[in-house]
Amino acid sequence: MSQAPEVAGNPYGAELAAAKKAVSLAARLCQRVQRDILQSDIQSKVDRTPVTVADYGSQVLVSLVLKMELPSQSFSMIAEEDSKDLRSDAAQEILEHITNLVNETIVSDGSYDISLSKDDVLSAIDGGKSEGGPSGRHWILDPIDGTKGFIRGDQYAVALGLLDEGKVVLGVLGCPNLPLKSSSILNSGHSGDLVGSLFSATIGCGAEVEAIGGSKPEKKLGVQAPPVRMDSQAKYGALARGDGAIFMRIPHQGYRETVWDHAAGSIVVTEAGGMVKDASGNDLDFSKGRHLDRDRGIIATNKYLMPLVLKAVQEAVKEEQYATALV
């Protein structure tokens, strides 16, 4: 059922409510799987089964909730996973595990009186096959951003954004292991504070953070303070609330960033008053399909530091190009 806007004057109020519900439910599934990983001492990518289960399960729940909560809207989603590997005979045990876990998560929430079959799960996963583009609306999902952090019990995020006519207009970041209060991160401990942060932003309406369990928003966000290292788009959320001042990602030449790695996080930062640019100083372009159009890096910071950071990065790139030319 479609819901009324959460915020007066928010043209994406129903979509925001659905996205927050979808991400919260997916995060609940991921938390359960992560607990199982830690209890079984799986600390490497050698056995990827638990991560695979969480990745697929998260994508299924997000797809399901968006369709249930926004039934009158056409559905298009750009997501990392597809069901190809789950359709083989060898994968049936994993598929059954995913199906059971998804159904148990749905029951624990109590919002929907449904039970998914394995075919339903495969269909929901393949709902993320959209190529996106500059027209129409497309959801952008990273079901688990930060696999290494997820495996070792550290930071990861369920990241969901909404693209409307080529522009990111909404973003939700579910960060189950990120303390709600910034001081807990800066002091390198939780100090008994509530753990689990849900960041959300809608274009023109600002950004907020609240407990991932669904309490009222803790506070409006604003970019300010010193740097903190962490996995996943959780760093975008931390930057938005002032846990750090600069986030830079400068990959090797030729690497193409996927849209799901940055869509939700970028709008959370910009709606908190920050800026997100590529290394040439251009806005990120999410209208080109499943990948961003440029390959020279991404910078997120505040409007005061951005010119200085861009200058430093561009000078470093020129020096690298000059050194390469001399070889």
C-alpha atoms as a PDB file:
ATOM      1  CA  MET A   1       0.000   0.000   0.000  1.00  0.00           C
ATOM      2  CA  SER A   2       1.218   3.484  -0.872  1.00  0.00           C
ATOM      3  CA  GLN A   3       1.930   5.643   2.136  1.00  0.00           C
ATOM      4  CA  ALA A   4       1.493   9.367   2.671  1.00  0.00           C
ATOM      5  CA  PRO A   5       4.647  11.496   2.531  1.00  0.00           C
ATOM      6  CA  GLU A   6       6.639  11.517   5.786  1.00  0.00           C
ATOM      7  CA  VAL A   7       7.639  15.144   5.392  1.00  0.00           C
ATOM      8  CA  ALA A   8       5.272  17.912   4.365  1.00  0.00           C
ATOM      9  CA  GLY A   9       6.221  19.214   0.948  1.00  0.00           C
ATOM     10  CA  ASN A  10       8.422  16.214   0.125  1.00  0.00           C
ATOM     11  CA  PRO A  11       7.473  15.073  -3.397  1.00  0.00           C
ATOM     12  CA  TYR A  12       9.156  11.720  -2.737  1.00  0.00           C
ATOM     13  CA  GLY A  13       7.616  11.129   0.683  1.00  0.00           C
ATOM     14  CA  ALA A  14       6.011   7.783  -0.191  1.00  0.00           C
ATOM     15  CA  GLU A  15       9.188   6.573  -1.884  1.00  0.00           C
ATOM     16  CA  LEU A  16      11.285   7.636   1.117  1.00  0.00           C
ATOM     17  CA  ALA A  17       9.045   5.729   3.533  1.00  0.00           C
ATOM     18  CA  ALA A  18       9.193   2.618   1.335  1.00  0.00           C
ATOM     19  CA  ALA A  19      12.964   2.861   0.920  1.00  0.00           C
ATOM     20  CA  LYS A  20      13.554   3.194   4.664  1.00  0.00           C
ATOM     21  CA  LYS A  21      11.357   0.179   5.351  1.00  0.00           C
ATOM     22  CA  ALA A  22      13.085  -1.864   2.636  1.00  0.00           C
ATOM     23  CA  VAL A  23      16.592  -1.042   3.833  1.00  0.00           C
ATOM     24  CA  SER A  24      15.709  -1.637   7.488  1.00  0.00           C
ATOM     25  CA  LEU A  25      14.301  -5.084   6.710  1.00  0.00           C
ATOM     26  CA  ALA A  26      17.298  -6.002   4.530  1.00  0.00           C
ATOM     27  CA  ALA A  27      19.649  -4.840   7.291  1.00  0.00           C
ATOM     28  CA  ARG A  28      17.843  -7.112   9.751  1.00  0.00           C
ATOM     29  CA  LEU A  29      18.553 -10.114   7.521  1.00  0.00           C
ATOM     30  CA  CYS A  30      22.192  -9.070   7.087  1.00  0.00           C
ATOM     31  CA  GLN A  31      22.664  -8.696  10.838  1.00  0.00           C
ATOM     32  CA  ARG A  32      21.472 -12.244  11.386  1.00  0.00           C
ATOM     33  CA  VAL A  33      23.821 -13.646   8.744  1.00  0.00           C
ATOM     34  CA  GLN A  34      26.755 -11.621  10.080  1.00  0.00           C
ATOM     35  CA  ARG A  35      26.187 -13.008  13.571  1.00  0.00           C
ATOM     36  CA  ASP A  36      26.286 -16.515  12.089  1.00  0.00           C
ATOM     37  CA  ILE A  37      29.551 -15.702  10.280  1.00  0.00           C
ATOM     38  CA  LEU A  38      31.241 -14.466  13.452  1.00  0.00           C
ATOM     39  CA  GLN A  39      30.018 -17.413  15.500  1.00  0.00           C
ATOM     40  CA  SER A  40      31.349 -19.877  12.913  1.00  0.00           C
ATOM     41  CA  ASP A  41      34.727 -18.091  12.587  1.00  0.00           C
ATOM     42  CA  ILE A  42      34.432 -17.516   8.831  1.00  0.00           C
ATOM     43  CA  GLN A  43      36.947 -14.697   8.447  1.00  0.00           C
ATOM     44  CA  SER A  44      37.933 -14.848   4.781  1.00  0.00           C
ATOM     45  CA  LYS A  45      36.395 -14.878   1.331  1.00  0.00           C
ATOM     46  CA  VAL A  46      37.364 -18.521   0.810  1.00  0.00           C
ATOM     47  CA  ASP A  47      33.891 -19.647   1.861  1.00  0.00           C
ATOM     48  CA  ARG A  48      31.593 -17.018   0.399  1.00  0.00           C
ATOM     49  CA  THR A  49      28.355 -18.886   1.106  1.00  0.00           C
ATOM     50  CA  PRO A  50      27.162 -16.702   4.030  1.00  0.00           C
ATOM     51  CA  VAL A  51      28.002 -13.495   2.141  1.00  0.00           C
ATOM     52  CA  THR A  52      26.206 -14.837  -0.933  1.00  0.00           C
ATOM     53  CA  VAL A  53      23.132 -15.639   1.148  1.00  0.00           C
ATOM     54  CA  ALA A  54      23.080 -12.151   2.675  1.00  0.00           C
ATOM     55  CA  ASP A  55      23.676 -10.423  -0.675  1.00  0.00           C
ATOM     56  CA  TYR A  56      20.818 -12.214  -2.398  1.00  0.00           C
ATOM     57  CA  GLY A  57      18.515 -12.094   0.634  1.00  0.00           C
ATOM     58  CA  SER A  58      19.005  -8.359   1.022  1.00  0.00           C
ATOM     59  CA  GLN A  59      18.219  -7.775  -2.662  1.00  0.00           C
ATOM     60  CA  VAL A  60      15.084  -9.930  -2.467  1.00  0.00           C
ATOM     61  CA  LEU A  61      13.722  -8.026   0.531  1.00  0.00           C
ATOM     62  CA  VAL A  62      14.374  -4.596  -0.970  1.00  0.00           C
ATOM     63  CA  SER A  63      12.717  -5.606  -4.244  1.00  0.00           C
ATOM     64  CA  LEU A  64       9.741  -7.107  -2.396  1.00  0.00           C
ATOM     65  CA  VAL A  65       9.139  -4.164  -0.063  1.00  0.00           C
ATOM     66  CA  LEU A  66       9.383  -1.537  -2.799  1.00  0.00           C
ATOM     67  CA  LYS A  67       6.833  -3.408  -4.908  1.00  0.00           C
ATOM     68  CA  MET A  68       4.501  -3.964  -1.943  1.00  0.00           C
ATOM     69  CA  GLU A  69       4.685  -0.396  -0.667  1.00  0.00           C
ATOM     70  CA  LEU A  70       4.496   1.311  -4.068  1.00  0.00           C
ATOM     71  CA  PRO A  71       2.118  -0.942  -6.033  1.00  0.00           C
ATOM     72  CA  SER A  72       0.901   1.746  -8.409  1.00  0.00           C
ATOM     73  CA  GLN A  73       4.393   2.628  -9.624  1.00  0.00           C
ATOM     74  CA  SER A  74       6.319   0.892 -12.384  1.00  0.00           C
ATOM     75  CA  PHE A  75       9.352  -0.913 -10.975  1.00  0.00           C
ATOM     76  CA  SER A  76      12.879  -0.702 -12.342  1.00  0.00           C
ATOM     77  CA  MET A  77      15.995  -1.460 -10.299  1.00  0.00           C
ATOM     78  CA  ILE A  78      19.712  -1.449 -11.027  1.00  0.00           C
ATOM     79  CA  ALA A  79      21.341  -3.911  -8.641  1.00  0.00           C
ATOM     80  CA  GLU A  80      24.521  -5.900  -8.292  1.00  0.00           C
ATOM     81  CA  GLU A  81      23.129  -9.441  -8.279  1.00  0.00           C
ATOM     82  CA  ASP A  82      21.210 -11.638 -10.719  1.00  0.00           C
ATOM     83  CA  SER A  83      19.861 -15.165 -10.262  1.00  0.00           C
ATOM     84  CA  LYS A  84      21.971 -16.985 -12.862  1.00  0.00           C
ATOM     85  CA  ASP A  85      24.259 -18.753 -10.367  1.00  0.00           C
ATOM     86  CA  LEU A  86      21.306 -19.824  -8.217  1.00  0.00           C
ATOM     87  CA  ARG A  87      19.509 -21.668 -11.007  1.00  0.00           C
ATOM     88  CA  SER A  88      21.962 -24.578 -11.213  1.00  0.00           C
ATOM     89  CA  ASP A  89      21.308 -27.887  -9.456  1.00  0.00           C
ATOM     90  CA  ALA A  90      24.404 -27.347  -7.317  1.00  0.00           C
ATOM     91  CA  ALA A  91      22.975 -24.119  -5.895  1.00  0.00           C
ATOM     92  CA  GLN A  92      19.598 -25.457  -4.767  1.00  0.00           C
ATOM     93  CA  GLU A  93      20.637 -25.847  -1.140  1.00  0.00           C
ATOM     94  CA  ILE A  94      21.820 -22.238  -1.004  1.00  0.00           C
ATOM     95  CA  LEU A  95      18.641 -21.076  -2.756  1.00  0.00           C
ATOM     96  CA  GLU A  96      16.524 -22.893  -0.196  1.00  0.00           C
ATOM     97  CA  HIS A  97      18.527 -21.300   2.619  1.00  0.00           C
ATOM     98  CA  ILE A  98      18.007 -17.831   1.113  1.00  0.00           C
ATOM     99  CA  THR A  99      14.283 -18.479   0.702  1.00  0.00           C
ATOM    100  CA  ASN A 100      13.898 -19.634   4.304  1.00  0.00           C
ATOM    101  CA  LEU A 101      15.885 -16.695   5.639  1.00  0.00           C
ATOM    102  CA  VAL A 102      13.845 -14.183   3.629  1.00  0.00           C
ATOM    103  CA  ASN A 103      10.560 -15.700   4.817  1.00  0.00           C
ATOM    104  CA  GLU A 104      11.714 -15.744   8.443  1.00  0.00           C
ATOM    105  CA  THR A 105      12.696 -12.071   8.184  1.00  0.00           C
ATOM    106  CA  ILE A 106       9.292 -11.194   6.710  1.00  0.00           C
ATOM    107  CA  VAL A 107       7.521 -13.050   9.539  1.00  0.00           C
ATOM    108  CA  SER A 108       9.657 -11.329  12.192  1.00  0.00           C
ATOM    109  CA  ASP A 109       8.629  -7.931  10.822  1.00  0.00           C
ATOM    110  CA  GLY A 110       4.911  -8.723  10.774  1.00  0.00           C
ATOM    111  CA  SER A 111       4.029  -6.276   7.989  1.00  0.00           C
ATOM    112  CA  TYR A 112       3.221  -8.776   5.252  1.00  0.00           C
ATOM    113  CA  ASP A 113       1.203 -11.992   5.338  1.00  0.00           C
ATOM    114  CA  ILE A 114       3.081 -13.715   2.519  1.00  0.00           C
ATOM    115  CA  SER A 115       5.452 -16.629   2.002  1.00  0.00           C
ATOM    116  CA  LEU A 116       7.847 -16.673  -0.936  1.00  0.00           C
ATOM    117  CA  SER A 117       8.689 -19.750  -2.981  1.00  0.00           C
ATOM    118  CA  LYS A 118      12.126 -20.340  -4.490  1.00  0.00           C
ATOM    119  CA  ASP A 119      10.781 -19.138  -7.837  1.00  0.00           C
ATOM    120  CA  ASP A 120       9.528 -15.953  -6.161  1.00  0.00           C
ATOM    121  CA  VAL A 121      13.009 -15.377  -4.755  1.00  0.00           C
ATOM    122  CA  LEU A 122      14.669 -15.859  -8.147  1.00  0.00           C
ATOM    123  CA  SER A 123      12.179 -13.470  -9.742  1.00  0.00           C
ATOM    124  CA  ALA A 124      12.779 -10.835  -7.053  1.00  0.00           C
ATOM    125  CA  ILE A 125      16.539 -11.052  -7.547  1.00  0.00           C
ATOM    126  CA  ASP A 126      16.161 -10.578 -11.291  1.00  0.00           C
ATOM    127  CA  GLY A 127      14.143  -7.445 -10.622  1.00  0.00           C
ATOM    128  CA  GLY A 128      17.556  -5.759 -10.402  1.00  0.00           C
ATOM    129  CA  LYS A 129      18.521  -6.296 -14.045  1.00  0.00           C
ATOM    130  CA  SER A 130      17.590  -2.810 -15.254  1.00  0.00           C
ATOM    131  CA  GLU A 131      20.233  -0.892 -17.195  1.00  0.00           C
ATOM    132  CA  GLY A 132      18.978   2.471 -15.898  1.00  0.00           C
ATOM    133  CA  GLY A 133      19.550   5.494 -18.095  1.00  0.00           C
ATOM    134  CA  PRO A 134      18.576   9.166 -18.356  1.00  0.00           C
ATOM    135  CA  SER A 135      14.790   8.746 -18.492  1.00  0.00           C
ATOM    136  CA  GLY A 136      12.215   7.388 -16.057  1.00  0.00           C
ATOM    137  CA  ARG A 137      12.671   6.227 -12.472  1.00  0.00           C
ATOM    138  CA  HIS A 138      15.162   3.571 -11.439  1.00  0.00           C
ATOM    139  CA  TRP A 139      16.035   2.305  -7.978  1.00  0.00           C
ATOM    140  CA  ILE A 140      19.773   1.705  -7.437  1.00  0.00           C
ATOM    141  CA  LEU A 141      20.761  -0.937  -4.882  1.00  0.00           C
ATOM    142  CA  ASP A 142      23.930  -2.302  -3.364  1.00  0.00           C
ATOM    143  CA  PRO A 143      22.575  -5.114  -1.157  1.00  0.00           C
ATOM    144  CA  ILE A 144      25.803  -5.336   0.860  1.00  0.00           C
ATOM    145  CA  ASP A 145      28.372  -2.605   0.312  1.00  0.00           C
ATOM    146  CA  GLY A 146      31.598  -3.477   2.115  1.00  0.00           C
ATOM    147  CA  THR A 147      31.990  -7.254   1.915  1.00  0.00           C
ATOM    148  CA  LYS A 148      35.292  -7.331   3.814  1.00  0.00           C
ATOM    149  CA  GLY A 149      33.811  -5.337   6.668  1.00  0.00           C
ATOM    150  CA  PHE A 150      30.755  -7.575   6.677  1.00  0.00           C
ATOM    151  CA  ILE A 151      32.857 -10.741   6.974  1.00  0.00           C
ATOM    152  CA  ARG A 152      34.985  -9.475   9.861  1.00  0.00           C
ATOM    153  CA  GLY A 153      32.075  -7.994  11.814  1.00  0.00           C
ATOM    154  CA  ASP A 154      32.938  -4.404  10.956  1.00  0.00           C
ATOM    155  CA  GLN A 155      31.217  -1.699   8.899  1.00  0.00           C
ATOM    156  CA  TYR A 156      29.046  -2.376   5.865  1.00  0.00           C
ATOM    157  CA  ALA A 157      25.912  -0.793   4.409  1.00  0.00           C
ATOM    158  CA  VAL A 158      22.700  -1.602   2.595  1.00  0.00           C
ATOM    159  CA  ALA A 159      22.570   1.271   0.108  1.00  0.00           C
ATOM    160  CA  LEU A 160      19.453   2.258  -1.848  1.00  0.00           C
ATOM    161  CA  GLY A 161      18.995   5.281  -4.088  1.00  0.00           C
ATOM    162  CA  LEU A 162      16.313   6.513  -6.483  1.00  0.00           C
ATOM    163  CA  LEU A 163      17.185   7.915  -9.891  1.00  0.00           C
ATOM    164  CA  ASP A 164      14.567  10.176 -11.514  1.00  0.00           C
ATOM    165  CA  GLU A 165      15.218  11.430 -15.048  1.00  0.00           C
ATOM    166  CA  GLY A 166      18.946  10.782 -14.653  1.00  0.00           C
ATOM    167  CA  LYS A 167      19.348  12.456 -11.259  1.00  0.00           C
ATOM    168  CA  VAL A 168      19.638  10.881  -7.811  1.00  0.00           C
ATOM    169  CA  VAL A 169      16.722  12.301  -5.806  1.00  0.00           C
ATOM    170  CA  LEU A 170      16.627  10.024  -2.767  1.00  0.00           C
ATOM    171  CA  GLY A 171      19.042   7.887  -0.791  1.00  0.00           C
ATOM    172  CA  VAL A 172      18.899   5.581   2.227  1.00  0.00           C
ATOM    173  CA  LEU A 173      21.920   3.989   3.919  1.00  0.00           C
ATOM    174  CA  GLY A 174      21.402   1.241   6.465  1.00  0.00           C
ATOM    175  CA  CYS A 175      24.579   0.868   8.552  1.00  0.00           C
ATOM    176  CA  PRO A 176      23.848  -1.824  11.175  1.00  0.00           C
ATOM    177  CA  ASN A 177      27.234  -1.590  12.931  1.00  0.00           C
ATOM    178  CA  LEU A 178      27.618   2.186  12.929  1.00  0.00           C
ATOM    179  CA  PRO A 179      26.827   3.710  16.354  1.00  0.00           C
ATOM    180  CA  LEU A 180      24.064   6.288  16.304  1.00  0.00           C
ATOM    181  CA  LYS A 181      26.219   8.846  18.102  1.00  0.00           C
ATOM    182  CA  SER A 182      29.331  10.197  16.360  1.00  0.00           C
ATOM    183  CA  SER A 183      31.353  10.259  19.586  1.00  0.00           C
ATOM    184  CA  SER A 184      31.284   6.459  19.743  1.00  0.00           C
ATOM    185  CA  ILE A 185      33.174   6.229  16.442  1.00  0.00           C
ATOM    186  CA  LEU A 186      35.682   8.932  17.325  1.00  0.00           C
ATOM    187  CA  ASN A 187      36.397   7.260  20.675  1.00  0.00           C
ATOM    188  CA  SER A 188      36.836   3.869  18.944  1.00  0.00           C
ATOM    189  CA  GLY A 189      34.174   2.260  21.077  1.00  0.00           C
ATOM    190  CA  HIS A 190      30.428   2.033  21.449  1.00  0.00           C
ATOM    191  CA  SER A 191      30.348   3.016  25.143  1.00  0.00           C
ATOM    192  CA  GLY A 192      26.945   1.361  25.451  1.00  0.00           C
ATOM    193  CA  ASP A 193      25.449   3.695  22.856  1.00  0.00           C
ATOM    194  CA  LEU A 194      22.778   2.472  20.465  1.00  0.00           C
ATOM    195  CA  VAL A 195      24.350   0.753  17.448  1.00  0.00           C
ATOM    196  CA  GLY A 196      22.736   0.852  14.024  1.00  0.00           C
ATOM    197  CA  SER A 197      22.299   4.016  11.953  1.00  0.00           C
ATOM    198  CA  LEU A 198      19.797   4.698   9.181  1.00  0.00           C
ATOM    199  CA  PHE A 199      20.733   7.696   7.027  1.00  0.00           C
ATOM    200  CA  SER A 200      18.196   9.157   4.625  1.00  0.00           C
ATOM    201  CA  ALA A 201      18.019  12.107   2.271  1.00  0.00           C
ATOM    202  CA  THR A 202      15.641  13.499  -0.319  1.00  0.00           C
ATOM    203  CA  ILE A 203      16.614  16.196  -2.773  1.00  0.00           C
ATOM    204  CA  GLY A 204      15.819  19.637  -1.394  1.00  0.00           C
ATOM    205  CA  CYS A 205      14.735  18.267   2.000  1.00  0.00           C
ATOM    206  CA  GLY A 206      18.045  17.713   3.782  1.00  0.00           C
ATOM    207  CA  ALA A 207      19.493  14.579   5.360  1.00  0.00           C
ATOM    208  CA  GLU A 208      18.717  12.823   8.640  1.00  0.00           C
ATOM    209  CA  VAL A 209      19.999   9.952  10.742  1.00  0.00           C
ATOM    210  CA  GLU A 210      17.966   7.765  13.078  1.00  0.00           C
ATOM    211  CA  ALA A 211      18.242   4.421  14.831  1.00  0.00           C
ATOM    212  CA  ILE A 212      17.943   1.611  12.322  1.00  0.00           C
ATOM    213  CA  GLY A 213      15.160   0.164  14.455  1.00  0.00           C
ATOM    214  CA  GLY A 214      12.908   3.058  13.454  1.00  0.00           C
ATOM    215  CA  SER A 215      12.962   5.731  16.161  1.00  0.00           C
ATOM    216  CA  LYS A 216      12.401   9.401  15.373  1.00  0.00           C
ATOM    217  CA  PRO A 217      15.261  11.104  13.497  1.00  0.00           C
ATOM    218  CA  GLU A 218      18.181  11.761  15.832  1.00  0.00           C
ATOM    219  CA  LYS A 219      19.203  14.976  14.137  1.00  0.00           C
ATOM    220  CA  LYS A 220      19.578  16.877  10.939  1.00  0.00           C
ATOM    221  CA  LEU A 221      22.992  16.307   9.431  1.00  0.00           C
ATOM    222  CA  GLY A 222      25.762  18.722   8.539  1.00  0.00           C
ATOM    223  CA  VAL A 223      29.239  18.010   7.173  1.00  0.00           C
ATOM    224  CA  GLN A 224      32.048  19.202   9.450  1.00  0.00           C
ATOM    225  CA  ALA A 225      35.056  17.372  11.333  1.00  0.00           C
ATOM    226  CA  PRO A 226      38.260  15.042  11.311  1.00  0.00           C
ATOM    227  CA  PRO A 227      38.736  11.813   9.228  1.00  0.00           C
ATOM    228  CA  VAL A 228      37.768   8.220  10.140  1.00  0.00           C
ATOM    229  CA  ARG A 229      38.570   5.063   8.116  1.00  0.00           C
ATOM    230  CA  MET A 230      35.848   2.486   7.422  1.00  0.00           C
ATOM    231  CA  ASP A 231      34.415   0.165   4.790  1.00  0.00           C
ATOM    232  CA  SER A 232      31.458   0.777   2.485  1.00  0.00           C
ATOM    233  CA  GLN A 233      29.089   3.700   1.970  1.00  0.00           C
ATOM    234  CA  ALA A 234      28.911   3.915   5.759  1.00  0.00           C
ATOM    235  CA  LYS A 235      31.710   6.443   5.248  1.00  0.00           C
ATOM    236  CA  TYR A 236      29.330   8.709   3.325  1.00  0.00           C
ATOM    237  CA  GLY A 237      26.952   8.625   6.289  1.00  0.00           C
ATOM    238  CA  ALA A 238      29.762   9.271   8.761  1.00  0.00           C
ATOM    239  CA  LEU A 239      30.979  12.201   6.666  1.00  0.00           C
ATOM    240  CA  ALA A 240      27.466  13.637   6.455  1.00  0.00           C
ATOM    241  CA  ARG A 241      27.104  13.806  10.226  1.00  0.00           C
ATOM    242  CA  GLY A 242      30.594  15.213  10.818  1.00  0.00           C
ATOM    243  CA  ASP A 243      32.689  12.157  11.730  1.00  0.00           C
ATOM    244  CA  GLY A 244      35.159  13.114   9.006  1.00  0.00           C
ATOM    245  CA  ALA A 245      36.009  15.975   6.664  1.00  0.00           C
ATOM    246  CA  ILE A 246      37.121  14.332   3.416  1.00  0.00           C
ATOM    247  CA  PHE A 247      36.435  11.094   1.558  1.00  0.00           C
ATOM    248  CA  MET A 248      38.549  10.358  -1.513  1.00  0.00           C
ATOM    249  CA  ARG A 249      38.485   7.364  -3.824  1.00  0.00           C
ATOM    250  CA  ILE A 250      41.120   7.459  -6.564  1.00  0.00           C
ATOM    251  CA  PRO A 251      41.128   4.125  -8.443  1.00  0.00           C
ATOM    252  CA  HIS A 252      43.594   2.975 -11.081  1.00  0.00           C
ATOM    253  CA  GLN A 253      43.094   4.373 -14.561  1.00  0.00           C
ATOM    254  CA  GLY A 254      40.458   2.514 -16.539  1.00  0.00           C
ATOM    255  CA  TYR A 255      38.457   1.391 -13.512  1.00  0.00           C
ATOM    256  CA  ARG A 256      34.738   2.169 -13.846  1.00  0.00           C
ATOM    257  CA  GLU A 257      32.710   2.825 -10.716  1.00  0.00           C
ATOM    258  CA  THR A 258      29.297   1.176 -10.472  1.00  0.00           C
ATOM    259  CA  VAL A 259      26.332   3.425  -9.737  1.00  0.00           C
ATOM    260  CA  TRP A 260      25.207   1.361  -6.733  1.00  0.00           C
ATOM    261  CA  ASP A 261      28.493   2.086  -4.930  1.00  0.00           C
ATOM    262  CA  HIS A 262      27.765   5.819  -4.739  1.00  0.00           C
ATOM    263  CA  ALA A 263      24.126   6.761  -5.475  1.00  0.00           C
ATOM    264  CA  ALA A 264      22.643   6.614  -1.978  1.00  0.00           C
ATOM    265  CA  GLY A 265      25.750   7.894  -0.203  1.00  0.00           C
ATOM    266  CA  SER A 266      26.280  10.858  -2.493  1.00  0.00           C
ATOM    267  CA  ILE A 267      22.824  12.359  -1.912  1.00  0.00           C
ATOM    268  CA  VAL A 268      23.100  11.840   1.854  1.00  0.00           C
ATOM    269  CA  VAL A 269      26.277  13.965   1.779  1.00  0.00           C
ATOM    270  CA  THR A 270      24.979  16.673  -0.566  1.00  0.00           C
ATOM    271  CA  GLU A 271      21.710  17.062   1.334  1.00  0.00           C
ATOM    272  CA  ALA A 272      23.759  17.431   4.539  1.00  0.00           C
ATOM    273  CA  GLY A 273      25.480  20.434   2.952  1.00  0.00           C
ATOM    274  CA  GLY A 274      28.515  18.671   1.515  1.00  0.00           C
ATOM    275  CA  MET A 275      29.755  18.236  -2.037  1.00  0.00           C
ATOM    276  CA  VAL A 276      30.517  15.123  -4.097  1.00  0.00           C
ATOM    277  CA  LYS A 277      32.528  15.506  -7.312  1.00  0.00           C
ATOM    278  CA  ASP A 278      34.704  13.477  -9.610  1.00  0.00           C
ATOM    279  CA  ALA A 279      38.425  14.261  -9.662  1.00  0.00           C
ATOM    280  CA  SER A 280      37.891  16.783 -12.468  1.00  0.00           C
ATOM    281  CA  GLY A 281      35.380  18.741 -10.386  1.00  0.00           C
ATOM    282  CA  ASN A 282      32.257  17.531 -12.199  1.00  0.00           C
ATOM    283  CA  ASP A 283      29.054  16.287 -10.582  1.00  0.00           C
ATOM    284  CA  LEU A 284      28.651  12.507 -10.680  1.00  0.00           C
ATOM    285  CA  ASP A 285      26.534  11.415 -13.653  1.00  0.00           C
ATOM    286  CA  PHE A 286      24.252   8.496 -12.804  1.00  0.00           C
ATOM    287  CA  SER A 287      22.346   8.633 -16.099  1.00  0.00           C
ATOM    288  CA  LYS A 288      24.723   6.453 -18.142  1.00  0.00           C
ATOM    289  CA  GLY A 289      23.494   3.053 -17.005  1.00  0.00           C
ATOM    290  CA  ARG A 290      25.135   0.699 -14.519  1.00  0.00           C
ATOM    291  CA  HIS A 291      28.468   2.547 -14.424  1.00  0.00           C
ATOM    292  CA  LEU A 292      29.556   6.116 -13.827  1.00  0.00           C
ATOM    293  CA  ASP A 293      30.966   7.757 -16.921  1.00  0.00           C
ATOM    294  CA  ARG A 294      34.377   8.797 -15.578  1.00  0.00           C
ATOM    295  CA  ASP A 295      37.324   6.871 -14.183  1.00  0.00           C
ATOM    296  CA  ARG A 296      39.518   9.377 -12.334  1.00  0.00           C
ATOM    297  CA  GLY A 297      38.133   9.224  -8.828  1.00  0.00           C
ATOM    298  CA  ILE A 298      35.515  10.579  -6.458  1.00  0.00           C
ATOM    299  CA  ILE A 299      35.854  13.230  -3.751  1.00  0.00           C
ATOM    300  CA  ALA A 300      33.360  14.093  -1.011  1.00  0.00           C
ATOM    301  CA  THR A 301      33.924  16.952   1.413  1.00  0.00           C
ATOM    302  CA  ASN A 302      32.503  20.342   2.389  1.00  0.00           C
ATOM    303  CA  LYS A 303      32.247  23.358   0.093  1.00  0.00           C
ATOM    304  CA  TYR A 304      35.204  25.071   1.753  1.00  0.00           C
ATOM    305  CA  LEU A 305      37.664  22.202   1.344  1.00  0.00           C
ATOM    306  CA  MET A 306      36.526  21.000  -2.088  1.00  0.00           C
ATOM    307  CA  PRO A 307      38.546  23.542  -4.156  1.00  0.00           C
ATOM    308  CA  LEU A 308      41.708  22.736  -2.177  1.00  0.00           C
ATOM    309  CA  VAL A 309      41.234  18.979  -2.405  1.00  0.00           C
ATOM    310  CA  LEU A 310      40.462  19.139  -6.132  1.00  0.00           C
ATOM    311  CA  LYS A 311      43.591  21.196  -6.770  1.00  0.00           C
ATOM    312  CA  ALA A 312      45.769  18.742  -4.838  1.00  0.00           C
ATOM    313  CA  VAL A 313      44.280  15.705  -6.580  1.00  0.00           C
ATOM    314  CA  GLN A 314      44.557  17.230 -10.046  1.00  0.00           C
ATOM    315  CA  GLU A 315      48.189  18.200  -9.437  1.00  0.00           C
ATOM    316  CA  ALA A 316      48.939  14.659  -8.259  1.00  0.00           C
ATOM    317  CA  VAL A 317      47.304  13.210 -11.382  1.00  0.00           C
ATOM    318  CA  LYS A 318      49.376  15.505 -13.625  1.00  0.00           C
ATOM    319  CA  GLU A 319      52.577  14.473 -11.836  1.00  0.00           C
ATOM    320  CA  GLU A 320      51.650  10.812 -12.287  1.00  0.00           C
ATOM    321  CA  GLN A 321      50.976  11.327 -15.998  1.00  0.00           C
ATOM    322  CA  TYR A 322      54.274  13.212 -16.413  1.00  0.00           C
ATOM    323  CA  ALA A 323      56.221  10.490 -14.611  1.00  0.00           C
ATOM    324  CA  THR A 324      54.578   7.824 -16.780  1.00  0.00           C
ATOM    325  CA  ALA A 325      55.494   9.743 -19.935  1.00  0.00           C
ATOM    326  CA  LEU A 326      59.153   9.804 -18.871  1.00  0.00           C
ATOM    327  CA  VAL A 327      59.355   6.041 -18.385  1.00  0.00           C
END
